Amino acid sequence: MVGKPLPAAVGMAMAGLLLGGCGRSVLVSPPEVSAEVGAACAAASEALPDTLAGQPRVETVPDPALAAAWGAPAIVWRCGAPVPGSFTKASQLLEVDGVDWYPEPLSRGSRFTAVRSDPVVELTVPDAYANPAGVIAELQSAAEDG
């Protein structure tokens, strides 16, 4: 990565729901990224859809250029995420529309990391959504159309 890293949020929480006076926001721990990756993520975030899996996009804090969220419970997209430490060359990948995603089960959902994309993108899908691969396909299709 080239450039000076942007500040990272403290903590490893993927997403938490904040209820504020102005509405609902999703707190997302942004990854630490270089200015170059931050710019690529900002451009990628412009192509994200207003709805995903039938859920409206909701505000993310602190950095909407590195994260997006839809619905409640929130589907969370993070750009510039690190490749998971458990990923190896022998890891099983899920290919969706030509993109290889590394799936990881979570206690209340699944995390999918596009380990071969530049920048690396991560999508966390709660158990409330029956077809996580369908969410990935919908996201990719919407981003390509945008």
Protein backbone atom coordinates (compact mmCIF):
# COMPACT_ATOMS: atom_id res chain seq x y z
CA MET A 1 0.00 0.00 0.00
CA VAL A 2 1.19 3.47 -0.82
CA GLY A 3 0.68 6.61 1.22
CA LYS A 4 0.05 7.52 4.81
CA PRO A 5 -2.45 5.33 6.71
CA LEU A 6 -5.72 6.89 7.71
CA PRO A 7 -6.60 6.64 11.41
CA ALA A 8 -8.27 3.39 12.42
CA ALA A 9 -11.10 3.14 14.92
CA VAL A 10 -10.31 1.50 18.21
CA GLY A 11 -11.76 -1.96 18.72
CA MET A 12 -12.50 -4.92 16.55
CA ALA A 13 -16.30 -4.71 16.51
CA MET A 14 -17.66 -5.34 13.04
CA ALA A 15 -20.86 -3.42 13.44
CA GLY A 16 -23.07 -2.19 16.20
CA LEU A 17 -26.34 -0.37 16.04
CA LEU A 18 -26.58 3.16 17.37
CA LEU A 19 -29.91 4.82 17.87
CA GLY A 20 -29.64 8.58 17.59
CA GLY A 21 -32.01 11.49 17.59
CA CYS A 22 -31.70 11.94 13.84
CA GLY A 23 -32.32 8.30 13.02
CA ARG A 24 -30.50 5.02 12.88
CA SER A 25 -26.77 4.70 12.18
CA VAL A 26 -24.49 1.71 12.05
CA LEU A 27 -21.14 1.99 13.80
CA VAL A 28 -18.47 0.29 11.70
CA SER A 29 -14.86 -0.17 12.68
CA PRO A 30 -13.07 1.10 9.54
CA PRO A 31 -9.89 -0.65 8.44
CA GLU A 32 -6.60 1.23 8.49
CA VAL A 33 -5.84 2.08 4.85
CA SER A 34 -3.44 4.17 2.82
CA ALA A 35 -4.63 7.35 1.11
CA GLU A 36 -4.53 5.48 -2.23
CA VAL A 37 -6.76 2.68 -0.96
CA GLY A 38 -9.03 5.24 0.71
CA ALA A 39 -9.50 6.98 -2.65
CA ALA A 40 -10.24 3.66 -4.39
CA CYS A 41 -12.77 2.81 -1.67
CA ALA A 42 -14.44 6.22 -1.96
CA ALA A 43 -14.86 5.63 -5.71
CA ALA A 44 -16.20 2.11 -5.11
CA SER A 45 -18.67 3.33 -2.50
CA GLU A 46 -20.24 5.66 -5.07
CA ALA A 47 -21.41 2.60 -7.04
CA LEU A 48 -23.12 0.91 -4.09
CA PRO A 49 -26.89 0.49 -4.29
CA ASP A 50 -29.51 2.35 -2.25
CA THR A 51 -31.17 -0.98 -1.42
CA LEU A 52 -29.72 -4.45 -0.88
CA ALA A 53 -31.66 -7.63 -0.11
CA GLY A 54 -34.78 -5.46 -0.04
CA GLN A 55 -33.28 -3.31 2.73
CA PRO A 56 -32.61 0.44 2.55
CA ARG A 57 -29.13 1.81 2.93
CA VAL A 58 -28.49 3.29 6.36
CA GLU A 59 -25.89 5.79 7.53
CA THR A 60 -22.53 4.47 8.71
CA VAL A 61 -20.19 6.16 11.14
CA PRO A 62 -17.41 7.14 11.28
CA ASP A 63 -16.29 6.86 7.61
CA PRO A 64 -18.85 6.28 4.84
CA ALA A 65 -16.07 6.08 2.22
CA LEU A 66 -14.83 2.86 3.82
CA ALA A 67 -18.14 1.33 4.86
CA ALA A 68 -21.80 0.97 3.92
CA ALA A 69 -24.74 -0.75 5.56
CA TRP A 70 -28.27 -1.82 4.69
CA GLY A 71 -31.21 -2.80 6.88
CA ALA A 72 -31.60 -4.01 10.43
CA PRO A 73 -29.89 -6.18 11.34
CA ALA A 74 -27.32 -4.49 9.15
CA ILE A 75 -25.59 -6.04 6.17
CA VAL A 76 -22.17 -4.34 6.36
CA TRP A 77 -19.70 -3.66 3.52
CA ARG A 78 -16.14 -2.62 4.40
CA CYS A 79 -13.57 -1.57 1.83
CA GLY A 80 -9.84 -1.88 2.44
CA ALA A 81 -10.36 -4.70 4.93
CA PRO A 82 -7.44 -6.97 5.73
CA VAL A 83 -7.28 -10.48 4.34
CA PRO A 84 -8.43 -12.76 7.19
CA GLY A 85 -5.62 -14.47 9.09
CA SER A 86 -7.35 -17.83 8.60
CA PHE A 87 -7.17 -17.52 4.78
CA THR A 88 -4.63 -19.76 3.03
CA LYS A 89 -4.00 -20.69 -0.60
CA ALA A 90 -5.84 -23.95 0.13
CA SER A 91 -8.94 -22.19 1.52
CA GLN A 92 -12.29 -22.99 -0.06
CA LEU A 93 -13.64 -19.98 -1.97
CA LEU A 94 -17.10 -19.07 -3.18
CA GLU A 95 -17.11 -17.67 -6.71
CA VAL A 96 -19.90 -15.21 -7.45
CA ASP A 97 -19.92 -13.51 -10.86
CA GLY A 98 -16.18 -14.05 -11.31
CA VAL A 99 -15.17 -12.75 -7.87
CA ASP A 100 -13.66 -15.13 -5.30
CA TRP A 101 -15.06 -14.69 -1.79
CA TYR A 102 -13.62 -16.31 1.31
CA PRO A 103 -16.56 -17.31 3.55
CA GLU A 104 -16.30 -17.38 7.34
CA PRO A 105 -19.09 -18.38 9.69
CA LEU A 106 -19.77 -15.96 12.53
CA SER A 107 -21.82 -16.52 15.66
CA ARG A 108 -24.74 -14.60 14.10
CA GLY A 109 -24.13 -14.65 10.39
CA SER A 110 -21.37 -14.93 7.83
CA ARG A 111 -18.49 -12.81 6.65
CA PHE A 112 -17.34 -12.92 3.05
CA THR A 113 -14.03 -11.37 2.00
CA ALA A 114 -13.12 -10.75 -1.64
CA VAL A 115 -9.52 -11.77 -0.97
CA ARG A 116 -8.25 -11.23 -4.51
CA SER A 117 -9.80 -7.82 -5.10
CA ASP A 118 -7.85 -4.60 -4.88
CA PRO A 119 -8.76 -3.13 -2.49
CA VAL A 120 -10.00 -6.07 -0.43
CA VAL A 121 -13.73 -5.88 0.29
CA GLU A 122 -15.58 -7.54 3.15
CA LEU A 123 -19.31 -8.19 3.45
CA THR A 124 -20.96 -9.29 6.71
CA VAL A 125 -24.41 -10.83 6.30
CA PRO A 126 -26.49 -11.55 9.45
CA ASP A 127 -28.41 -14.84 9.79
CA ALA A 128 -31.66 -12.91 9.19
CA TYR A 129 -30.89 -13.02 5.45
CA ALA A 130 -31.55 -16.51 4.10
CA ASN A 131 -29.28 -16.41 1.04
CA PRO A 132 -25.91 -14.72 1.69
CA ALA A 133 -24.56 -15.65 -1.75
CA GLY A 134 -27.62 -13.97 -3.27
CA VAL A 135 -26.80 -10.81 -1.31
CA ILE A 136 -23.26 -10.88 -2.75
CA ALA A 137 -24.57 -11.38 -6.30
CA GLU A 138 -27.10 -8.56 -5.88
CA LEU A 139 -24.41 -6.24 -4.54
CA GLN A 140 -22.03 -7.02 -7.41
CA SER A 141 -24.75 -6.61 -10.01
CA ALA A 142 -25.86 -3.28 -8.58
CA ALA A 143 -22.27 -2.00 -8.39
CA GLU A 144 -21.60 -3.02 -12.01
CA ASP A 145 -24.81 -1.31 -13.17
CA GLY A 146 -24.02 1.86 -11.21
